[in-house]
């Protein structure tokens, strides 16, 4: 099993503070004989009529030497996981969880903005100090 991201537990606690129930830690994925895992699975009740909202979360710290390389790796993993979830017939929204600092340095510039504008990736932006969700994109 791969090592947990340095922000794994921070994101887990932030989701719990936001009234999400952690259902999987990690969330198992499989295609053919290949087994992978996203970091977290979570759900919460929207309303009695609408039922549960379910998500899968991949946590990324962006602590490498290059934000661009970190983004390329995170996006590759995100796209792969989204396709596997679809193939498995799992109806959960996939989110990439990034710190507020990463969001500010990567997703507020043109490189990140084009990904958000074209809805290539969904983000959970968290405050690592308060262990709280700062923003859902799209909300």
Protein backbone atom coordinates (compact mmCIF):
# COMPACT_ATOMS: atom_id res chain seq x y z
CA UNK A 1 0.00 0.00 0.00
CA UNK A 2 1.39 3.42 -0.94
CA UNK A 3 2.37 5.87 1.78
CA UNK A 4 -0.25 8.39 2.85
CA UNK A 5 0.12 11.97 1.70
CA UNK A 6 1.35 14.32 4.44
CA UNK A 7 -2.07 16.02 4.46
CA UNK A 8 -4.12 12.79 4.51
CA UNK A 9 -5.21 13.03 8.14
CA UNK A 10 -5.71 16.80 7.89
CA UNK A 11 -8.15 16.36 5.00
CA UNK A 12 -9.87 13.49 6.78
CA UNK A 13 -10.46 15.66 9.87
CA UNK A 14 -11.56 18.62 7.70
CA UNK A 15 -14.16 16.46 5.97
CA UNK A 16 -15.41 15.17 9.31
CA UNK A 17 -15.71 18.76 10.61
CA UNK A 18 -17.75 19.50 7.46
CA UNK A 19 -20.16 16.69 8.50
CA UNK A 20 -18.88 14.04 6.11
CA UNK A 21 -18.70 10.42 7.23
CA UNK A 22 -15.51 8.68 6.13
CA UNK A 23 -16.59 5.41 4.51
CA UNK A 24 -13.24 4.25 3.11
CA UNK A 25 -9.64 4.92 4.13
CA UNK A 26 -8.30 4.15 1.54
CA UNK A 27 -10.94 3.84 -1.20
CA UNK A 28 -10.27 0.63 -3.21
CA UNK A 29 -10.14 0.74 -6.99
CA UNK A 30 -9.64 -2.16 -9.37
CA UNK A 31 -9.47 -2.56 -13.12
CA UNK A 32 -8.65 -5.99 -14.44
CA UNK A 33 -6.02 -7.44 -12.13
CA UNK A 34 -4.66 -4.03 -11.15
CA UNK A 35 -5.58 -2.78 -7.69
CA UNK A 36 -5.18 0.86 -6.78
CA UNK A 37 -6.57 3.07 -4.08
CA UNK A 38 -7.65 6.66 -3.77
CA UNK A 39 -7.10 8.26 -0.39
CA UNK A 40 -10.62 8.58 1.01
CA UNK A 41 -14.25 7.80 0.40
CA UNK A 42 -16.89 9.86 2.18
CA UNK A 43 -20.60 10.49 2.24
CA UNK A 44 -23.12 12.81 3.86
CA UNK A 45 -26.85 13.22 3.91
CA UNK A 46 -28.02 16.06 1.68
CA UNK A 47 -31.68 15.81 2.65
CA UNK A 48 -34.22 13.08 3.25
CA UNK A 49 -35.52 13.51 -0.30
CA UNK A 50 -32.17 13.69 -2.09
CA UNK A 51 -30.36 11.04 -0.04
CA UNK A 52 -26.61 10.70 0.28
CA UNK A 53 -23.88 12.60 -1.51
CA UNK A 54 -20.85 10.35 -2.07
CA UNK A 55 -17.31 11.39 -2.97
CA UNK A 56 -13.84 9.97 -3.48
CA UNK A 57 -10.92 12.19 -2.49
CA UNK A 58 -7.30 12.08 -3.63
CA UNK A 59 -5.05 14.21 -1.41
CA UNK A 60 -2.00 15.90 -2.93
CA UNK A 61 0.61 17.97 -1.09
CA UNK A 62 2.59 19.48 -4.02
CA UNK A 63 5.88 19.40 -2.10
CA UNK A 64 8.12 18.46 -5.04
CA UNK A 65 10.67 20.76 -6.64
CA UNK A 66 8.23 21.77 -9.40
CA UNK A 67 4.57 22.69 -9.04
CA UNK A 68 4.13 21.88 -12.72
CA UNK A 69 5.50 18.34 -12.30
CA UNK A 70 3.36 17.85 -9.19
CA UNK A 71 0.31 19.07 -11.13
CA UNK A 72 1.06 16.74 -14.06
CA UNK A 73 1.32 13.77 -11.70
CA UNK A 74 -1.81 14.73 -9.75
CA UNK A 75 -3.84 15.23 -12.94
CA UNK A 76 -2.69 11.92 -14.39
CA UNK A 77 -3.75 10.13 -11.24
CA UNK A 78 -7.03 12.07 -11.11
CA UNK A 79 -7.96 11.20 -14.71
CA UNK A 80 -6.99 7.55 -14.20
CA UNK A 81 -9.08 7.27 -11.02
CA UNK A 82 -12.07 9.01 -12.64
CA UNK A 83 -12.00 6.54 -15.52
CA UNK A 84 -11.66 3.54 -13.20
CA UNK A 85 -14.59 4.75 -11.06
CA UNK A 86 -16.65 5.00 -14.24
CA UNK A 87 -15.61 1.52 -15.42
CA UNK A 88 -16.44 0.07 -12.00
CA UNK A 89 -19.88 1.72 -12.13
CA UNK A 90 -19.21 3.65 -8.93
CA UNK A 91 -21.32 6.79 -8.78
CA UNK A 92 -19.18 9.06 -6.64
CA UNK A 93 -17.73 12.45 -7.51
CA UNK A 94 -13.94 12.53 -7.52
CA UNK A 95 -12.13 15.46 -5.90
CA UNK A 96 -8.50 16.46 -5.68
CA UNK A 97 -7.76 17.90 -2.22
CA UNK A 98 -5.09 20.63 -2.10
CA UNK A 99 -4.00 23.07 0.57
CA UNK A 100 -4.90 26.74 0.40
CA UNK A 101 -1.22 27.51 -0.31
CA UNK A 102 -1.16 25.09 -3.26
CA UNK A 103 -4.41 26.50 -4.57
CA UNK A 104 -2.98 30.03 -4.37
CA UNK A 105 0.26 29.12 -6.14
CA UNK A 106 -1.07 26.68 -8.77
CA UNK A 107 -4.78 27.20 -9.40
CA UNK A 108 -4.98 31.01 -9.37
CA UNK A 109 -2.55 31.36 -12.30
CA UNK A 110 -3.38 30.69 -15.94
CA UNK A 111 -2.11 27.10 -15.81
CA UNK A 112 -4.53 26.12 -13.07
CA UNK A 113 -7.33 28.43 -14.16
CA UNK A 114 -7.64 26.71 -17.53
CA UNK A 115 -8.20 23.40 -15.72
CA UNK A 116 -10.91 24.89 -13.52
CA UNK A 117 -12.55 26.86 -16.34
CA UNK A 118 -12.81 23.71 -18.47
CA UNK A 119 -13.92 21.64 -15.45
CA UNK A 120 -11.07 19.17 -15.90
CA UNK A 121 -10.74 18.70 -12.14
CA UNK A 122 -12.87 19.20 -9.03
CA UNK A 123 -11.08 20.59 -5.99
CA UNK A 124 -11.41 20.58 -2.25
CA UNK A 125 -9.27 23.43 -0.93
CA UNK A 126 -8.39 23.02 2.75
CA UNK A 127 -6.72 25.13 5.40
CA UNK A 128 -4.00 22.92 6.84
CA UNK A 129 -3.71 24.92 10.08
CA UNK A 130 -7.38 24.95 11.07
CA UNK A 131 -8.03 21.57 9.40
CA UNK A 132 -11.11 22.98 7.70
CA UNK A 133 -12.51 22.99 4.19
CA UNK A 134 -11.96 26.46 2.72
CA UNK A 135 -13.59 25.94 -0.67
CA UNK A 136 -15.27 23.40 -2.96
CA UNK A 137 -14.64 23.94 -6.68
CA UNK A 138 -17.07 23.86 -8.30
CA UNK A 139 -19.33 24.55 -5.35
